[in-house]
C-alpha atoms as a PDB file:
ATOM      1  CA  MET A   1     -15.447 -54.305  12.436  1.00  0.00           C
ATOM      2  CA  ILE A   2     -12.451 -52.481  10.924  1.00  0.00           C
ATOM      3  CA  GLY A   3     -12.965 -49.600  13.316  1.00  0.00           C
ATOM      4  CA  VAL A   4     -13.207 -52.006  16.264  1.00  0.00           C
ATOM      5  CA  GLY A   5      -9.948 -53.652  15.208  1.00  0.00           C
ATOM      6  CA  PHE A   6      -8.122 -50.319  15.052  1.00  0.00           C
ATOM      7  CA  ALA A   7      -9.621 -49.336  18.427  1.00  0.00           C
ATOM      8  CA  PHE A   8      -8.268 -52.561  19.976  1.00  0.00           C
ATOM      9  CA  LEU A   9      -4.864 -51.900  18.420  1.00  0.00           C
ATOM     10  CA  ALA A  10      -4.879 -48.360  19.835  1.00  0.00           C
ATOM     11  CA  ALA A  11      -5.775 -49.664  23.312  1.00  0.00           C
ATOM     12  CA  LEU A  12      -2.990 -52.252  23.134  1.00  0.00           C
ATOM     13  CA  CYS A  13      -0.478 -49.587  22.085  1.00  0.00           C
ATOM     14  CA  PHE A  14      -1.557 -47.099  24.753  1.00  0.00           C
ATOM     15  CA  GLY A  15      -1.418 -49.809  27.414  1.00  0.00           C
ATOM     16  CA  THR A  16       2.072 -50.796  26.268  1.00  0.00           C
ATOM     17  CA  ALA A  17       3.127 -47.147  26.336  1.00  0.00           C
ATOM     18  CA  SER A  18       1.861 -46.735  29.907  1.00  0.00           C
ATOM     19  CA  ALA A  19       3.793 -49.781  31.083  1.00  0.00           C
ATOM     20  CA  ALA A  20       6.940 -48.616  29.254  1.00  0.00           C
ATOM     21  CA  ILE A  21       6.629 -45.134  30.775  1.00  0.00           C
ATOM     22  CA  ALA A  22       6.441 -46.666  34.240  1.00  0.00           C
ATOM     23  CA  LYS A  23       9.487 -48.828  33.472  1.00  0.00           C
ATOM     24  CA  GLY A  24      11.425 -45.896  32.033  1.00  0.00           C
ATOM     25  CA  SER A  25      10.585 -43.638  34.978  1.00  0.00           C
ATOM     26  CA  LYS A  26      12.881 -45.769  37.150  1.00  0.00           C
ATOM     27  CA  VAL A  27      15.766 -44.151  35.276  1.00  0.00           C
ATOM     28  CA  LYS A  28      13.842 -41.144  33.984  1.00  0.00           C
ATOM     29  CA  ARG A  29      15.364 -39.151  31.164  1.00  0.00           C
ATOM     30  CA  GLY A  30      13.989 -35.854  29.930  1.00  0.00           C
ATOM     31  CA  ASP A  31      10.191 -35.944  29.550  1.00  0.00           C
ATOM     32  CA  ASN A  32      10.139 -39.759  29.386  1.00  0.00           C
ATOM     33  CA  GLY A  33       9.451 -39.805  25.638  1.00  0.00           C
ATOM     34  CA  ALA A  34       6.445 -37.439  25.460  1.00  0.00           C
ATOM     35  CA  LEU A  35       7.929 -35.080  22.860  1.00  0.00           C
ATOM     36  CA  LEU A  36       9.495 -37.972  20.942  1.00  0.00           C
ATOM     37  CA  SER A  37       6.050 -39.574  20.635  1.00  0.00           C
ATOM     38  CA  ILE A  38       4.774 -36.420  18.909  1.00  0.00           C
ATOM     39  CA  VAL A  39       7.742 -36.390  16.523  1.00  0.00           C
ATOM     40  CA  LEU A  40       7.286 -40.088  15.722  1.00  0.00           C
ATOM     41  CA  THR A  41       3.564 -39.565  15.131  1.00  0.00           C
ATOM     42  CA  CYS A  42       4.406 -36.819  12.628  1.00  0.00           C
ATOM     43  CA  LEU A  43       6.767 -39.188  10.811  1.00  0.00           C
ATOM     44  CA  LEU A  44       4.509 -42.267  10.914  1.00  0.00           C
ATOM     45  CA  SER A  45       1.301 -40.513   9.875  1.00  0.00           C
ATOM     46  CA  GLY A  46       3.150 -38.442   7.247  1.00  0.00           C
ATOM     47  CA  VAL A  47       4.660 -41.529   5.648  1.00  0.00           C
ATOM     48  CA  LEU A  48       1.298 -43.338   5.775  1.00  0.00           C
ATOM     49  CA  TRP A  49      -0.382 -40.418   4.049  1.00  0.00           C
ATOM     50  CA  LEU A  50       2.242 -40.346   1.328  1.00  0.00           C
ATOM     51  CA  VAL A  51       2.039 -44.133   0.801  1.00  0.00           C
ATOM     52  CA  ILE A  52      -1.716 -44.707   0.842  1.00  0.00           C
ATOM     53  CA  GLY A  53      -2.541 -41.296  -0.611  1.00  0.00           C
ATOM     54  CA  PRO A  54      -5.597 -39.156   0.176  1.00  0.00           C
ATOM     55  CA  SER A  55      -8.582 -41.306   1.127  1.00  0.00           C
ATOM     56  CA  TYR A  56     -11.119 -38.635   0.234  1.00  0.00           C
ATOM     57  CA  GLU A  57     -12.682 -38.204  -3.169  1.00  0.00           C
ATOM     58  CA  GLN A  58     -10.826 -36.046  -5.651  1.00  0.00           C
ATOM     59  CA  GLY A  59     -13.922 -33.904  -5.973  1.00  0.00           C
ATOM     60  CA  LEU A  60     -13.700 -32.686  -2.405  1.00  0.00           C
ATOM     61  CA  CYS A  61     -13.959 -28.908  -2.453  1.00  0.00           C
ATOM     62  CA  THR A  62     -11.120 -26.763  -1.154  1.00  0.00           C
ATOM     63  CA  GLU A  63     -13.390 -25.309   1.513  1.00  0.00           C
ATOM     64  CA  GLY A  64     -14.043 -28.786   2.913  1.00  0.00           C
ATOM     65  CA  LEU A  65     -10.337 -29.579   2.843  1.00  0.00           C
ATOM     66  CA  TRP A  66      -9.302 -26.543   4.871  1.00  0.00           C
ATOM     67  CA  LEU A  67     -12.297 -26.803   7.196  1.00  0.00           C
ATOM     68  CA  GLY A  68     -11.355 -30.401   7.966  1.00  0.00           C
ATOM     69  CA  ILE A  69      -7.745 -29.420   8.662  1.00  0.00           C
ATOM     70  CA  ALA A  70      -8.897 -26.568  10.917  1.00  0.00           C
ATOM     71  CA  ILE A  71     -11.098 -28.933  12.940  1.00  0.00           C
ATOM     72  CA  PHE A  72      -8.230 -31.434  13.211  1.00  0.00           C
ATOM     73  CA  VAL A  73      -6.125 -28.605  14.654  1.00  0.00           C
ATOM     74  CA  VAL A  74      -8.819 -27.968  17.274  1.00  0.00           C
ATOM     75  CA  GLY A  75      -8.753 -31.673  18.133  1.00  0.00           C
ATOM     76  CA  GLY A  76      -4.991 -31.486  18.539  1.00  0.00           C
ATOM     77  CA  VAL A  77      -5.330 -28.518  20.881  1.00  0.00           C
ATOM     78  CA  LEU A  78      -7.961 -30.312  22.979  1.00  0.00           C
ATOM     79  CA  ALA A  79      -5.914 -33.507  23.319  1.00  0.00           C
ATOM     80  CA  THR A  80      -2.267 -32.425  23.211  1.00  0.00           C
ATOM     81  CA  VAL A  81      -2.398 -28.953  24.732  1.00  0.00           C
ATOM     82  CA  ILE A  82      -5.370 -28.700  27.116  1.00  0.00           C
ATOM     83  CA  GLY A  83      -5.865 -32.374  28.013  1.00  0.00           C
ATOM     84  CA  ARG A  84      -2.203 -33.187  28.537  1.00  0.00           C
ATOM     85  CA  THR A  85      -1.322 -29.924  30.315  1.00  0.00           C
ATOM     86  CA  MET A  86      -4.257 -30.200  32.720  1.00  0.00           C
ATOM     87  CA  MET A  87      -3.386 -33.820  33.471  1.00  0.00           C
ATOM     88  CA  PHE A  88       0.195 -32.930  34.369  1.00  0.00           C
ATOM     89  CA  LYS A  89      -1.000 -30.130  36.666  1.00  0.00           C
ATOM     90  CA  SER A  90      -3.486 -32.516  38.219  1.00  0.00           C
ATOM     91  CA  VAL A  91      -0.656 -34.947  38.996  1.00  0.00           C
ATOM     92  CA  ALA A  92       1.335 -32.151  40.653  1.00  0.00           C
ATOM     93  CA  LEU A  93      -1.578 -31.136  42.872  1.00  0.00           C
ATOM     94  CA  ALA A  94      -3.435 -34.375  43.591  1.00  0.00           C
ATOM     95  CA  GLY A  95      -0.771 -37.044  43.091  1.00  0.00           C
ATOM     96  CA  ALA A  96      -0.143 -39.603  40.372  1.00  0.00           C
ATOM     97  CA  ILE A  97      -2.625 -42.230  41.590  1.00  0.00           C
ATOM     98  CA  ASN A  98      -5.473 -39.783  42.080  1.00  0.00           C
ATOM     99  CA  ALA A  99      -4.895 -38.067  38.750  1.00  0.00           C
ATOM    100  CA  SER A 100      -4.668 -41.320  36.802  1.00  0.00           C
ATOM    101  CA  LEU A 101      -8.209 -42.187  37.872  1.00  0.00           C
ATOM    102  CA  PHE A 102      -9.656 -39.421  35.750  1.00  0.00           C
ATOM    103  CA  ARG A 103      -8.429 -40.951  32.474  1.00  0.00           C
ATOM    104  CA  ARG A 104     -11.029 -43.615  33.135  1.00  0.00           C
ATOM    105  CA  LEU A 105     -13.758 -41.005  32.789  1.00  0.00           C
ATOM    106  CA  ILE A 106     -12.775 -40.163  29.192  1.00  0.00           C
ATOM    107  CA  PRO A 107     -15.149 -42.751  27.607  1.00  0.00           C
ATOM    108  CA  LEU A 108     -18.068 -41.339  29.590  1.00  0.00           C
ATOM    109  CA  PHE A 109     -17.360 -37.767  28.485  1.00  0.00           C
ATOM    110  CA  ALA A 110     -16.774 -38.884  24.881  1.00  0.00           C
ATOM    111  CA  ALA A 111     -20.076 -40.776  24.719  1.00  0.00           C
ATOM    112  CA  LEU A 112     -22.097 -37.921  26.251  1.00  0.00           C
ATOM    113  CA  ILE A 113     -20.554 -35.243  24.012  1.00  0.00           C
ATOM    114  CA  ALA A 114     -20.950 -37.431  20.903  1.00  0.00           C
ATOM    115  CA  PHE A 115     -24.631 -37.889  21.737  1.00  0.00           C
ATOM    116  CA  ALA A 116     -25.161 -34.162  22.307  1.00  0.00           C
ATOM    117  CA  VAL A 117     -23.072 -32.820  19.405  1.00  0.00           C
ATOM    118  CA  LEU A 118     -23.093 -35.528  16.736  1.00  0.00           C
ATOM    119  CA  GLY A 119     -26.418 -37.100  17.582  1.00  0.00           C
ATOM    120  CA  GLU A 120     -24.851 -40.565  17.603  1.00  0.00           C
ATOM    121  CA  THR A 121     -27.386 -43.280  18.360  1.00  0.00           C
ATOM    122  CA  ILE A 122     -26.258 -46.444  20.080  1.00  0.00           C
ATOM    123  CA  ALA A 123     -27.815 -49.905  19.811  1.00  0.00           C
ATOM    124  CA  GLY A 124     -29.235 -51.520  22.939  1.00  0.00           C
ATOM    125  CA  LEU A 125     -26.542 -54.202  23.115  1.00  0.00           C
ATOM    126  CA  ALA A 126     -23.818 -51.575  22.776  1.00  0.00           C
ATOM    127  CA  ILE A 127     -25.409 -49.473  25.529  1.00  0.00           C
ATOM    128  CA  ALA A 128     -25.380 -52.504  27.820  1.00  0.00           C
ATOM    129  CA  GLY A 129     -21.723 -53.105  27.000  1.00  0.00           C
ATOM    130  CA  MET A 130     -20.829 -49.471  27.686  1.00  0.00           C
ATOM    131  CA  VAL A 131     -22.630 -49.482  31.034  1.00  0.00           C
ATOM    132  CA  ILE A 132     -20.801 -52.672  32.024  1.00  0.00           C
ATOM    133  CA  THR A 133     -17.453 -51.237  30.941  1.00  0.00           C
ATOM    134  CA  VAL A 134     -17.956 -47.948  32.794  1.00  0.00           C
ATOM    135  CA  ALA A 135     -19.034 -49.943  35.857  1.00  0.00           C
ATOM    136  CA  SER A 136     -15.753 -51.864  35.708  1.00  0.00           C
ATOM    137  CA  LEU A 137     -13.826 -48.594  35.607  1.00  0.00           C
ATOM    138  CA  MET A 138     -15.747 -47.370  38.641  1.00  0.00           C
ATOM    139  CA  ILE A 139     -14.714 -50.545  40.491  1.00  0.00           C
ATOM    140  CA  VAL A 140     -11.101 -49.558  39.917  1.00  0.00           C
ATOM    141  CA  LEU A 141     -11.836 -45.938  40.781  1.00  0.00           C
ATOM    142  CA  PHE A 142     -13.241 -46.741  44.205  1.00  0.00           C
ATOM    143  CA  ASP A 143     -10.539 -49.323  44.812  1.00  0.00           C
ATOM    144  CA  ARG A 144      -7.562 -46.972  44.406  1.00  0.00           C
ATOM    145  CA  SER A 145      -8.894 -43.527  45.292  1.00  0.00           C
ATOM    146  CA  PRO A 146      -8.958 -44.059  49.082  1.00  0.00           C
ATOM    147  CA  GLN A 147      -5.400 -45.404  48.928  1.00  0.00           C
ATOM    148  CA  ALA A 148      -4.243 -42.234  47.225  1.00  0.00           C
ATOM    149  CA  VAL A 149      -5.551 -40.075  50.045  1.00  0.00           C
ATOM    150  CA  ALA A 150      -4.618 -42.376  52.917  1.00  0.00           C
ATOM    151  CA  SER A 151      -1.064 -42.864  51.722  1.00  0.00           C
ATOM    152  CA  GLY A 152      -0.481 -39.149  51.393  1.00  0.00           C
ATOM    153  CA  GLU A 153      -0.025 -39.487  47.645  1.00  0.00           C
ATOM    154  CA  PHE A 154      -0.928 -35.824  47.177  1.00  0.00           C
ATOM    155  CA  LYS A 155       1.440 -33.286  48.687  1.00  0.00           C
ATOM    156  CA  LEU A 156       0.955 -29.545  48.821  1.00  0.00           C
ATOM    157  CA  ARG A 157       3.683 -27.744  46.945  1.00  0.00           C
ATOM    158  CA  GLN A 158       3.160 -24.471  48.863  1.00  0.00           C
ATOM    159  CA  PRO A 159       0.759 -23.126  51.526  1.00  0.00           C
ATOM    160  CA  VAL A 160      -2.586 -21.771  50.385  1.00  0.00           C
ATOM    161  CA  GLY A 161      -3.284 -18.595  52.340  1.00  0.00           C
ATOM    162  CA  ASP A 162      -3.605 -19.073  56.087  1.00  0.00           C
ATOM    163  CA  LEU A 163      -5.587 -22.300  55.923  1.00  0.00           C
ATOM    164  CA  GLY A 164      -3.539 -24.800  57.919  1.00  0.00           C
ATOM    165  CA  PRO A 165      -1.747 -27.844  56.508  1.00  0.00           C
ATOM    166  CA  ILE A 166      -4.835 -30.097  56.464  1.00  0.00           C
ATOM    167  CA  SER A 167      -7.141 -27.546  54.854  1.00  0.00           C
ATOM    168  CA  SER A 168      -4.417 -26.537  52.406  1.00  0.00           C
ATOM    169  CA  ALA A 169      -3.788 -30.140  51.392  1.00  0.00           C
ATOM    170  CA  TYR A 170      -7.523 -30.680  50.971  1.00  0.00           C
ATOM    171  CA  SER A 171      -7.759 -27.586  48.746  1.00  0.00           C
ATOM    172  CA  SER A 172      -4.817 -28.838  46.686  1.00  0.00           C
ATOM    173  CA  LEU A 173      -6.465 -32.224  46.255  1.00  0.00           C
ATOM    174  CA  ARG A 174      -9.783 -30.697  45.202  1.00  0.00           C
ATOM    175  CA  LEU A 175      -8.110 -28.370  42.689  1.00  0.00           C
ATOM    176  CA  GLY A 176      -6.172 -31.322  41.288  1.00  0.00           C
ATOM    177  CA  GLN A 177      -9.390 -33.297  40.931  1.00  0.00           C
ATOM    178  CA  MET A 178     -11.069 -30.397  39.126  1.00  0.00           C
ATOM    179  CA  LEU A 179      -8.158 -30.151  36.693  1.00  0.00           C
ATOM    180  CA  GLY A 180      -8.218 -33.927  36.205  1.00  0.00           C
ATOM    181  CA  THR A 181     -11.916 -33.782  35.371  1.00  0.00           C
ATOM    182  CA  THR A 182     -11.278 -30.926  32.929  1.00  0.00           C
ATOM    183  CA  SER A 183      -8.508 -32.956  31.315  1.00  0.00           C
ATOM    184  CA  ALA A 184     -10.755 -36.001  30.875  1.00  0.00           C
ATOM    185  CA  ALA A 185     -13.519 -33.826  29.395  1.00  0.00           C
ATOM    186  CA  SER A 186     -11.029 -32.246  26.971  1.00  0.00           C
ATOM    187  CA  TYR A 187      -9.739 -35.640  25.861  1.00  0.00           C
ATOM    188  CA  GLY A 188     -13.318 -36.864  25.430  1.00  0.00           C
ATOM    189  CA  ALA A 189     -14.178 -33.781  23.373  1.00  0.00           C
ATOM    190  CA  SER A 190     -11.149 -34.392  21.160  1.00  0.00           C
ATOM    191  CA  TYR A 191     -12.688 -37.730  20.063  1.00  0.00           C
ATOM    192  CA  VAL A 192     -15.832 -35.907  18.963  1.00  0.00           C
ATOM    193  CA  VAL A 193     -13.995 -33.054  17.243  1.00  0.00           C
ATOM    194  CA  ARG A 194     -11.842 -35.489  15.257  1.00  0.00           C
ATOM    195  CA  LYS A 195     -14.954 -37.395  14.214  1.00  0.00           C
ATOM    196  CA  MET A 196     -16.466 -34.088  13.051  1.00  0.00           C
ATOM    197  CA  ALA A 197     -13.320 -33.384  11.036  1.00  0.00           C
ATOM    198  CA  MET A 198     -13.676 -36.782   9.343  1.00  0.00           C
ATOM    199  CA  ARG A 199     -16.992 -35.633   7.873  1.00  0.00           C
ATOM    200  CA  HIS A 200     -15.228 -32.891   5.949  1.00  0.00           C
ATOM    201  CA  LEU A 201     -11.884 -34.594   5.438  1.00  0.00           C
ATOM    202  CA  PRO A 202     -12.167 -38.407   5.745  1.00  0.00           C
ATOM    203  CA  ASP A 203      -8.432 -38.952   5.827  1.00  0.00           C
ATOM    204  CA  PRO A 204      -7.203 -40.434   9.147  1.00  0.00           C
ATOM    205  CA  ALA A 205      -3.507 -40.372   8.216  1.00  0.00           C
ATOM    206  CA  LEU A 206      -3.649 -36.670   7.397  1.00  0.00           C
ATOM    207  CA  GLY A 207      -5.710 -36.049  10.534  1.00  0.00           C
ATOM    208  CA  ALA A 208      -3.119 -37.759  12.721  1.00  0.00           C
ATOM    209  CA  PHE A 209      -0.382 -35.752  11.022  1.00  0.00           C
ATOM    210  CA  VAL A 210      -2.181 -32.427  11.555  1.00  0.00           C
ATOM    211  CA  GLY A 211      -2.855 -33.256  15.210  1.00  0.00           C
ATOM    212  CA  ALA A 212       0.787 -34.176  15.805  1.00  0.00           C
ATOM    213  CA  VAL A 213       2.046 -31.039  14.063  1.00  0.00           C
ATOM    214  CA  THR A 214      -0.288 -29.001  16.275  1.00  0.00           C
ATOM    215  CA  GLY A 215       1.321 -30.540  19.352  1.00  0.00           C
ATOM    216  CA  LEU A 216       4.803 -29.958  17.963  1.00  0.00           C
ATOM    217  CA  VAL A 217       4.059 -26.293  17.221  1.00  0.00           C
ATOM    218  CA  TRP A 218       2.763 -25.899  20.783  1.00  0.00           C
ATOM    219  CA  HIS A 219       5.998 -27.316  22.196  1.00  0.00           C
ATOM    220  CA  LEU A 220       8.077 -25.066  19.949  1.00  0.00           C
ATOM    221  CA  ALA A 221       6.101 -21.999  21.035  1.00  0.00           C
ATOM    222  CA  ALA A 222       6.404 -22.970  24.698  1.00  0.00           C
ATOM    223  CA  ALA A 223      10.156 -23.463  24.279  1.00  0.00           C
ATOM    224  CA  LEU A 224      10.484 -19.763  23.473  1.00  0.00           C
ATOM    225  CA  PHE A 225       9.360 -18.886  26.994  1.00  0.00           C
ATOM    226  CA  ASN A 226      10.056 -21.967  29.089  1.00  0.00           C
ATOM    227  CA  LYS A 227      13.512 -23.329  29.894  1.00  0.00           C
ATOM    228  CA  ARG A 228      12.225 -26.844  30.597  1.00  0.00           C
ATOM    229  CA  TYR A 229      10.730 -27.117  27.107  1.00  0.00           C
ATOM    230  CA  ARG A 230      14.020 -25.921  25.565  1.00  0.00           C
ATOM    231  CA  GLN A 231      15.913 -28.566  27.507  1.00  0.00           C
ATOM    232  CA  THR A 232      13.460 -31.191  26.270  1.00  0.00           C
ATOM    233  CA  PHE A 233      14.168 -30.283  22.653  1.00  0.00           C
ATOM    234  CA  ARG A 234      17.941 -30.297  23.211  1.00  0.00           C
ATOM    235  CA  GLY A 235      17.766 -33.719  24.835  1.00  0.00           C
ATOM    236  CA  LEU A 236      15.221 -35.205  22.411  1.00  0.00           C
ATOM    237  CA  PHE A 237      17.571 -38.052  21.385  1.00  0.00           C
ATOM    238  CA  ARG A 238      20.262 -37.719  24.048  1.00  0.00           C
ATOM    239  CA  ASP A 239      17.749 -38.415  26.826  1.00  0.00           C
ATOM    240  CA  THR A 240      15.987 -41.249  24.993  1.00  0.00           C
ATOM    241  CA  GLY A 241      16.701 -44.689  26.384  1.00  0.00           C
ATOM    242  CA  ARG A 242      15.229 -48.021  25.325  1.00  0.00           C
ATOM    243  CA  TRP A 243      12.045 -47.726  27.376  1.00  0.00           C
ATOM    244  CA  GLN A 244      11.484 -44.093  26.442  1.00  0.00           C
ATOM    245  CA  PHE A 245      11.676 -45.064  22.771  1.00  0.00           C
ATOM    246  CA  ILE A 246       9.297 -48.013  23.243  1.00  0.00           C
ATOM    247  CA  ALA A 247       6.834 -45.744  25.057  1.00  0.00           C
ATOM    248  CA  ALA A 248       7.071 -43.069  22.351  1.00  0.00           C
ATOM    249  CA  ALA A 249       6.738 -45.557  19.470  1.00  0.00           C
ATOM    250  CA  SER A 250       3.762 -47.293  21.099  1.00  0.00           C
ATOM    251  CA  MET A 251       2.053 -43.981  21.775  1.00  0.00           C
ATOM    252  CA  SER A 252       2.647 -42.897  18.176  1.00  0.00           C
ATOM    253  CA  LEU A 253       1.164 -46.083  16.707  1.00  0.00           C
ATOM    254  CA  GLY A 254      -1.751 -45.872  19.135  1.00  0.00           C
ATOM    255  CA  GLN A 255      -2.565 -42.272  18.230  1.00  0.00           C
ATOM    256  CA  THR A 256      -2.468 -43.030  14.514  1.00  0.00           C
ATOM    257  CA  SER A 257      -4.606 -46.170  14.934  1.00  0.00           C
ATOM    258  CA  GLN A 258      -7.162 -44.163  16.871  1.00  0.00           C
ATOM    259  CA  PHE A 259      -7.766 -41.890  13.878  1.00  0.00           C
ATOM    260  CA  PHE A 260      -8.427 -44.907  11.646  1.00  0.00           C
ATOM    261  CA  ALA A 261     -10.753 -46.275  14.326  1.00  0.00           C
ATOM    262  CA  LEU A 262     -12.743 -43.028  14.440  1.00  0.00           C
ATOM    263  CA  GLN A 263     -13.115 -43.098  10.661  1.00  0.00           C
ATOM    264  CA  ASN A 264     -14.755 -46.536  10.773  1.00  0.00           C
ATOM    265  CA  ALA A 265     -16.633 -46.593  14.107  1.00  0.00           C
ATOM    266  CA  GLY A 266     -18.632 -44.343  16.409  1.00  0.00           C
ATOM    267  CA  VAL A 267     -17.001 -42.127  19.017  1.00  0.00           C
ATOM    268  CA  ALA A 268     -18.502 -43.984  21.976  1.00  0.00           C
ATOM    269  CA  VAL A 269     -17.405 -47.373  20.593  1.00  0.00           C
ATOM    270  CA  VAL A 270     -13.818 -46.202  20.070  1.00  0.00           C
ATOM    271  CA  ALA A 271     -13.662 -44.532  23.483  1.00  0.00           C
ATOM    272  CA  VAL A 272     -15.057 -47.530  25.377  1.00  0.00           C
ATOM    273  CA  ILE A 273     -12.755 -50.012  23.658  1.00  0.00           C
ATOM    274  CA  GLY A 274      -9.878 -47.611  24.274  1.00  0.00           C
ATOM    275  CA  SER A 275     -10.572 -47.765  28.010  1.00  0.00           C
ATOM    276  CA  LEU A 276      -9.058 -51.261  27.992  1.00  0.00           C
ATOM    277  CA  GLU A 277      -5.647 -49.566  28.018  1.00  0.00           C
ATOM    278  CA  VAL A 278      -6.055 -49.200  31.795  1.00  0.00           C
ATOM    279  CA  PHE A 279      -6.051 -52.966  32.282  1.00  0.00           C
ATOM    280  CA  ILE A 280      -3.575 -53.775  29.518  1.00  0.00           C
ATOM    281  CA  GLY A 281      -1.057 -51.388  31.040  1.00  0.00           C
ATOM    282  CA  ALA A 282      -1.644 -52.751  34.534  1.00  0.00           C
ATOM    283  CA  TYR A 283      -1.100 -56.395  33.529  1.00  0.00           C
ATOM    284  CA  LEU A 284       1.956 -55.621  31.402  1.00  0.00           C
ATOM    285  CA  ALA A 285       3.476 -53.587  34.234  1.00  0.00           C
ATOM    286  CA  ALA A 286       2.758 -56.275  36.820  1.00  0.00           C
ATOM    287  CA  TYR A 287       3.509 -59.533  34.993  1.00  0.00           C
ATOM    288  CA  VAL A 288       5.840 -58.615  32.111  1.00  0.00           C
ATOM    289  CA  LEU A 289       7.879 -55.600  33.201  1.00  0.00           C
ATOM    290  CA  ARG A 290       7.348 -56.133  36.952  1.00  0.00           C
ATOM    291  CA  THR A 291       7.242 -52.438  37.778  1.00  0.00           C
ATOM    292  CA  GLU A 292       3.932 -52.635  39.665  1.00  0.00           C
ATOM    293  CA  ALA A 293       2.418 -54.899  42.286  1.00  0.00           C
ATOM    294  CA  LYS A 294       0.226 -57.707  40.964  1.00  0.00           C
ATOM    295  CA  PRO A 295      -3.427 -56.694  40.567  1.00  0.00           C
ATOM    296  CA  ASN A 296      -5.637 -57.511  43.539  1.00  0.00           C
ATOM    297  CA  MET A 297      -8.859 -59.471  43.212  1.00  0.00           C
ATOM    298  CA  ARG A 298     -10.952 -56.347  42.702  1.00  0.00           C
ATOM    299  CA  ILE A 299      -8.806 -55.277  39.746  1.00  0.00           C
ATOM    300  CA  ILE A 300      -8.956 -58.772  38.237  1.00  0.00           C
ATOM    301  CA  ILE A 301     -12.751 -58.849  38.529  1.00  0.00           C
ATOM    302  CA  ALA A 302     -12.969 -55.356  37.034  1.00  0.00           C
ATOM    303  CA  SER A 303     -10.829 -56.373  34.045  1.00  0.00           C
ATOM    304  CA  ILE A 304     -13.028 -59.423  33.403  1.00  0.00           C
ATOM    305  CA  VAL A 305     -16.178 -57.279  33.614  1.00  0.00           C
ATOM    306  CA  ALA A 306     -14.606 -54.719  31.256  1.00  0.00           C
ATOM    307  CA  THR A 307     -13.743 -57.437  28.750  1.00  0.00           C
ATOM    308  CA  ILE A 308     -17.349 -58.635  28.729  1.00  0.00           C
ATOM    309  CA  GLY A 309     -18.603 -55.081  28.243  1.00  0.00           C
ATOM    310  CA  VAL A 310     -16.198 -54.325  25.408  1.00  0.00           C
ATOM    311  CA  ALA A 311     -17.078 -57.647  23.757  1.00  0.00           C
ATOM    312  CA  LEU A 312     -20.750 -56.617  23.683  1.00  0.00           C
ATOM    313  CA  VAL A 313     -19.810 -53.271  22.156  1.00  0.00           C
ATOM    314  CA  ALA A 314     -17.668 -55.005  19.519  1.00  0.00           C
ATOM    315  CA  ILE A 315     -20.369 -57.553  18.645  1.00  0.00           C
ATOM    316  CA  SER A 316     -22.992 -54.837  18.140  1.00  0.00           C
ATOM    317  CA  SER A 317     -20.698 -52.739  15.907  1.00  0.00           C
END
């Protein structure tokens, strides 16, 4: 149940971060706290590691130590570099609403990859809960996807060959959807890779630190060639307002909690519980921060169904 508790905490933090990002985007500054969240994760996980000390046995061989760190780096690349970059490109091509739908596919990818790679077996009650939870996400998917297309949420940045405006827009949407799917698969794979790393180096605080450092190194390398990244570094604190800081701090705590969850629970369990962030963020944005319209009846029903599904997963864990 410890892993379930950390997974719930991570979902709460990620949902809070999403709502804070939406609130902060009204007066957007810099990258809206994305880089700051990586820096804060480095600090939080580093301090945790120093305070609680290594959680692995002192007899752990050096080979296992460095292998675990190497796998944590791969997880950082999958989540911070590939997953995040593809998601941003997906937003640019397919629109924010359309792209956001693909984050709801992460639990499905995580569960399938964990089954194929780690051989994780899932109890019958947990399977039922996962099916119910994924079904609730599909309710939301089919509720918002048509709106994204009908409202012209996606806009073509430039013509594609000699196709006409409709065909070009359709091609842009499809490419954005492909990138969104790739992003979700990469995020799902990162769950599995981090779980693999735990087998060699069962130290979630160190794992979170290594993953965050990987993201920071990526940003530093990109800043050498990209002006926008350099501006982000220069405005790291200057462009940070209250909501950007709340978003960054919530994201940092959520990322660190997720590592502790993966140490104590299966990949599919952590991923499914984490999917609650979709509904937590929506309700916080609508009723607390008032940056979004109140959820319609379909969303409310979906959130209730998701809660039931996650409860079954938690009970069986």
